Amino acid sequence: MRQLQLDIEPQLDARISDFSGPGWGHVIDAVRQLHAGLMNRFYVYGGAGSGKSHLLSAICDSYLEIGKSAIQVSLLELLDAPTEAITSLDQYDLVALDDIEAISGVPHWQRAVFHLINYNNEGGGQLVFSSRFAPIELKLELPDLQSRLTQAVSVKVPNGSLFADRQALVSSVLGRRGIHIDEQVIDYLLLQGPHQTSVLLQTLEQLIQLLKGEKTKISNANLRQIYALIDEYR
């Protein structure tokens, strides 16, 4: 079964290997427990742009690779849709709900997610949640849902401050796409570029497009242009 996102946003190019940096060790350990069936609810949280959506996409991809069904949905994008949009998700082996804080102040969506948790649990499925806030910091009007979320195994994702985390991310993305970028550019990106995972990935994609087909050594003039592009994302 294909990973779906209900035509809300483009599929992220993400793999678990992107998170091989030391700061992500505790997160990936938890993902391994998820794969082993040692938990049925997993909750990740961290600041905006810290790579939570990328991680959820990677987890879904890892399930698809072993023949299980997975779906990733952004609740923020679904708020204006009828709650029936997620009533059939309990058929999936893994459901990844992004932006769980978006349903704060929206009781009918809180009830829908609560029922999804119950149906998913009865069917032996697993759920992954992401949020900018820790479970106890969520301001939900439905106590039962708040309780379910606080019972989940929760981990905070790193903020990108570790050089080794950024290096592992960039190396993984370039490696699987078979792309080579001049080391001067990579060094500048990692040292002077943005630290947040999502912004770093956006910057890297811009560089890939800018340097597409570049076979010769980059001139100083081109280097200045590239460095200026990276500086815009800081």
Protein backbone atom coordinates (compact mmCIF):
# COMPACT_ATOMS: atom_id res chain seq x y z
CA MET A 1 0.00 0.00 0.00
CA ARG A 2 1.44 3.36 -0.96
CA GLN A 3 2.28 6.05 1.55
CA LEU A 4 -0.33 8.77 1.14
CA GLN A 5 -0.55 12.37 2.27
CA LEU A 6 -4.09 13.04 1.08
CA ASP A 7 -2.73 15.32 -1.69
CA ILE A 8 -1.89 17.93 0.93
CA GLU A 9 1.84 18.36 0.47
CA PRO A 10 4.60 16.88 -1.69
CA GLN A 11 6.24 13.68 -0.49
CA LEU A 12 9.41 14.43 1.45
CA ASP A 13 12.60 12.74 0.27
CA ALA A 14 13.52 11.17 3.59
CA ARG A 15 15.32 8.12 4.92
CA ILE A 16 16.20 6.95 8.42
CA SER A 17 19.88 7.21 7.44
CA ASP A 18 19.46 11.00 7.34
CA PHE A 19 19.36 10.92 11.13
CA SER A 20 22.61 9.04 11.78
CA GLY A 21 24.23 11.98 13.60
CA PRO A 22 25.00 11.53 17.33
CA GLY A 23 22.32 14.00 18.43
CA TRP A 24 19.64 11.78 16.91
CA GLY A 25 20.78 8.58 18.64
CA HIS A 26 18.03 8.53 21.27
CA VAL A 27 15.38 9.24 18.63
CA ILE A 28 16.50 6.43 16.33
CA ASP A 29 16.71 4.04 19.30
CA ALA A 30 13.03 4.76 19.91
CA VAL A 31 12.25 4.22 16.22
CA ARG A 32 13.91 0.79 16.46
CA GLN A 33 11.64 -0.01 19.40
CA LEU A 34 8.68 1.09 17.30
CA HIS A 35 9.77 -1.28 14.53
CA ALA A 36 10.16 -4.09 17.03
CA GLY A 37 6.58 -3.57 18.22
CA LEU A 38 7.68 -2.55 21.71
CA MET A 39 5.47 0.55 21.61
CA ASN A 40 2.25 1.44 19.84
CA ARG A 41 2.35 5.21 20.31
CA PHE A 42 5.41 7.38 19.67
CA TYR A 43 5.51 11.16 20.09
CA VAL A 44 8.28 13.44 18.80
CA TYR A 45 8.52 17.13 19.55
CA GLY A 46 10.81 20.06 18.89
CA GLY A 47 10.93 23.58 17.53
CA ALA A 48 9.60 24.65 14.15
CA GLY A 49 11.90 23.49 11.37
CA SER A 50 13.70 20.89 13.49
CA GLY A 51 13.00 18.02 11.08
CA LYS A 52 9.93 16.40 12.61
CA SER A 53 8.04 16.06 9.32
CA HIS A 54 11.19 14.73 7.65
CA LEU A 55 11.51 12.14 10.42
CA LEU A 56 7.87 11.07 10.14
CA SER A 57 8.26 10.66 6.40
CA ALA A 58 11.41 8.57 6.95
CA ILE A 59 9.61 6.35 9.47
CA CYS A 60 6.75 5.78 7.02
CA ASP A 61 9.22 4.95 4.27
CA SER A 62 10.99 2.45 6.54
CA TYR A 63 7.65 0.68 7.11
CA LEU A 64 6.90 0.56 3.40
CA GLU A 65 10.30 -1.02 2.79
CA ILE A 66 9.35 -4.01 4.94
CA GLY A 67 5.98 -4.45 3.30
CA LYS A 68 3.81 -2.65 5.86
CA SER A 69 1.30 0.10 5.13
CA ALA A 70 1.94 3.65 6.34
CA ILE A 71 0.41 7.08 5.93
CA GLN A 72 1.56 10.54 6.99
CA VAL A 73 -1.00 13.31 7.49
CA SER A 74 -0.63 16.93 8.56
CA LEU A 75 -3.48 17.83 10.91
CA LEU A 76 -2.77 21.50 10.32
CA GLU A 77 -3.74 21.02 6.67
CA LEU A 78 -6.86 19.03 7.56
CA LEU A 79 -8.55 21.39 10.01
CA ASP A 80 -11.01 22.74 7.44
CA ALA A 81 -11.88 19.26 6.20
CA PRO A 82 -14.54 17.01 7.74
CA THR A 83 -13.22 14.69 10.44
CA GLU A 84 -14.23 11.75 8.25
CA ALA A 85 -10.96 12.43 6.41
CA ILE A 86 -9.14 10.35 9.02
CA THR A 87 -11.80 7.82 10.00
CA SER A 88 -10.42 5.18 7.61
CA LEU A 89 -6.80 5.54 8.72
CA ASP A 90 -7.09 2.75 11.28
CA GLN A 91 -6.61 0.27 8.43
CA TYR A 92 -2.92 1.23 8.17
CA ASP A 93 -0.16 -0.51 10.10
CA LEU A 94 1.32 2.90 10.92
CA VAL A 95 -0.33 6.32 10.99
CA ALA A 96 1.89 9.40 11.39
CA LEU A 97 -0.01 12.51 12.49
CA ASP A 98 1.99 15.69 12.04
CA ASP A 99 1.23 19.01 13.81
CA ILE A 100 -0.90 17.54 16.60
CA GLU A 101 -0.96 20.92 18.37
CA ALA A 102 -3.11 22.23 15.50
CA ILE A 103 -6.23 20.63 17.03
CA SER A 104 -5.94 22.63 20.26
CA GLY A 105 -9.18 24.59 20.51
CA VAL A 106 -10.89 22.32 17.95
CA PRO A 107 -12.87 19.80 20.07
CA HIS A 108 -14.42 17.87 17.16
CA TRP A 109 -10.99 17.10 15.76
CA GLN A 110 -9.75 16.11 19.20
CA ARG A 111 -12.60 13.59 19.42
CA ALA A 112 -11.74 12.28 15.96
CA VAL A 113 -8.09 11.72 16.89
CA PHE A 114 -9.12 10.10 20.18
CA HIS A 115 -11.36 7.64 18.33
CA LEU A 116 -8.60 6.97 15.80
CA ILE A 117 -6.23 6.07 18.64
CA ASN A 118 -8.78 3.63 20.05
CA TYR A 119 -9.57 2.01 16.69
CA ASN A 120 -5.89 1.84 15.77
CA ASN A 121 -5.05 0.22 19.09
CA GLU A 122 -7.82 -2.36 18.75
CA GLY A 123 -6.53 -3.27 15.30
CA GLY A 124 -2.94 -3.67 16.48
CA GLY A 125 -1.72 -0.61 14.59
CA GLN A 126 0.84 1.98 15.62
CA LEU A 127 0.70 5.77 15.78
CA VAL A 128 3.38 8.44 15.57
CA PHE A 129 2.68 12.04 16.53
CA SER A 130 4.72 15.21 16.07
CA SER A 131 4.37 18.59 17.67
CA ARG A 132 6.25 21.73 18.59
CA PHE A 133 5.22 21.01 22.18
CA ALA A 134 5.81 18.20 24.64
CA PRO A 135 2.66 16.16 25.43
CA ILE A 136 2.17 17.78 28.84
CA GLU A 137 2.38 21.24 27.23
CA LEU A 138 -0.50 20.65 24.83
CA LYS A 139 -3.61 22.62 25.68
CA LEU A 140 -6.37 20.20 24.76
CA GLU A 141 -9.98 20.43 25.86
CA LEU A 142 -10.45 16.64 25.76
CA PRO A 143 -8.79 15.15 28.87
CA ASP A 144 -8.95 11.60 27.52
CA LEU A 145 -6.94 12.58 24.45
CA GLN A 146 -4.43 14.50 26.57
CA SER A 147 -4.03 11.36 28.69
CA ARG A 148 -3.49 9.12 25.64
CA LEU A 149 -0.80 11.43 24.28
CA THR A 150 1.05 11.79 27.58
CA GLN A 151 1.16 7.99 27.83
CA ALA A 152 3.04 7.76 24.52
CA VAL A 153 6.80 7.32 24.46
CA SER A 154 8.02 10.85 23.75
CA VAL A 155 11.39 12.20 22.63
CA LYS A 156 12.64 15.67 21.81
CA VAL A 157 14.43 16.03 18.49
CA PRO A 158 17.76 17.91 18.37
CA ASN A 159 17.85 21.52 17.16
CA GLY A 160 20.63 21.07 14.61
CA SER A 161 23.33 22.73 16.69
CA LEU A 162 25.68 19.72 16.34
CA PHE A 163 27.93 19.88 13.29
CA ALA A 164 27.99 16.07 13.08
CA ASP A 165 24.18 15.96 12.81
CA ARG A 166 24.16 18.41 9.92
CA GLN A 167 27.05 16.62 8.24
CA ALA A 168 25.31 13.23 8.44
CA LEU A 169 22.09 14.71 7.02
CA VAL A 170 23.77 16.37 4.04
CA SER A 171 25.98 13.34 3.34
CA SER A 172 22.98 10.99 3.39
CA VAL A 173 20.85 13.11 1.05
CA LEU A 174 23.66 13.66 -1.47
CA GLY A 175 24.82 10.04 -1.28
CA ARG A 176 21.51 8.40 -2.08
CA ARG A 177 20.86 10.86 -4.93
CA GLY A 178 24.32 10.30 -6.36
CA ILE A 179 25.15 14.02 -6.29
CA HIS A 180 28.62 15.49 -5.76
CA ILE A 181 29.05 19.08 -4.60
CA ASP A 182 32.42 20.81 -4.24
CA GLU A 183 33.80 20.37 -0.71
CA GLN A 184 34.28 24.14 -0.33
CA VAL A 185 30.54 24.60 -0.78
CA ILE A 186 29.63 21.78 1.60
CA ASP A 187 32.02 23.09 4.26
CA TYR A 188 30.55 26.58 4.00
CA LEU A 189 27.01 25.20 4.13
CA LEU A 190 27.72 23.16 7.26
CA LEU A 191 29.72 25.83 9.07
CA GLN A 192 27.97 29.03 8.00
CA GLY A 193 24.58 27.85 6.77
CA PRO A 194 21.32 27.28 8.65
CA HIS A 195 21.28 24.78 11.50
CA GLN A 196 17.59 23.84 11.48
CA THR A 197 17.02 20.59 9.61
CA SER A 198 14.20 21.76 7.36
CA VAL A 199 15.94 25.01 6.38
CA LEU A 200 19.22 23.18 5.81
CA LEU A 201 17.43 20.78 3.46
CA GLN A 202 15.80 23.69 1.59
CA THR A 203 19.18 25.34 1.17
CA LEU A 204 20.76 22.10 -0.01
CA GLU A 205 18.01 21.64 -2.61
CA GLN A 206 18.62 25.19 -3.89
CA LEU A 207 22.33 24.42 -4.21
CA ILE A 208 21.63 21.17 -6.07
CA GLN A 209 19.46 23.03 -8.58
CA LEU A 210 21.98 25.85 -8.95
CA LEU A 211 24.90 23.48 -9.53
CA LYS A 212 23.03 20.97 -11.70
CA GLY A 213 25.33 19.71 -14.41
CA GLU A 214 28.34 21.57 -13.01
CA LYS A 215 31.39 19.52 -14.03
CA THR A 216 34.25 21.99 -13.82
CA LYS A 217 35.90 23.64 -10.86
CA ILE A 218 33.73 26.43 -9.48
CA SER A 219 35.07 29.91 -10.18
CA ASN A 220 35.55 32.46 -7.41
CA ALA A 221 32.70 34.53 -8.85
CA ASN A 222 30.38 31.52 -8.72
CA LEU A 223 31.55 30.71 -5.20
CA ARG A 224 30.58 34.18 -4.04
CA GLN A 225 27.14 33.70 -5.59
CA ILE A 226 26.76 30.33 -3.85
CA TYR A 227 27.90 31.69 -0.49
CA ALA A 228 25.44 34.57 -0.82
CA LEU A 229 22.63 32.07 -1.44
CA ILE A 230 23.59 30.12 1.69
CA ASP A 231 23.78 33.34 3.72
CA GLU A 232 20.19 34.16 2.73
CA TYR A 233 18.97 31.07 4.57
CA ARG A 234 20.81 31.71 7.83
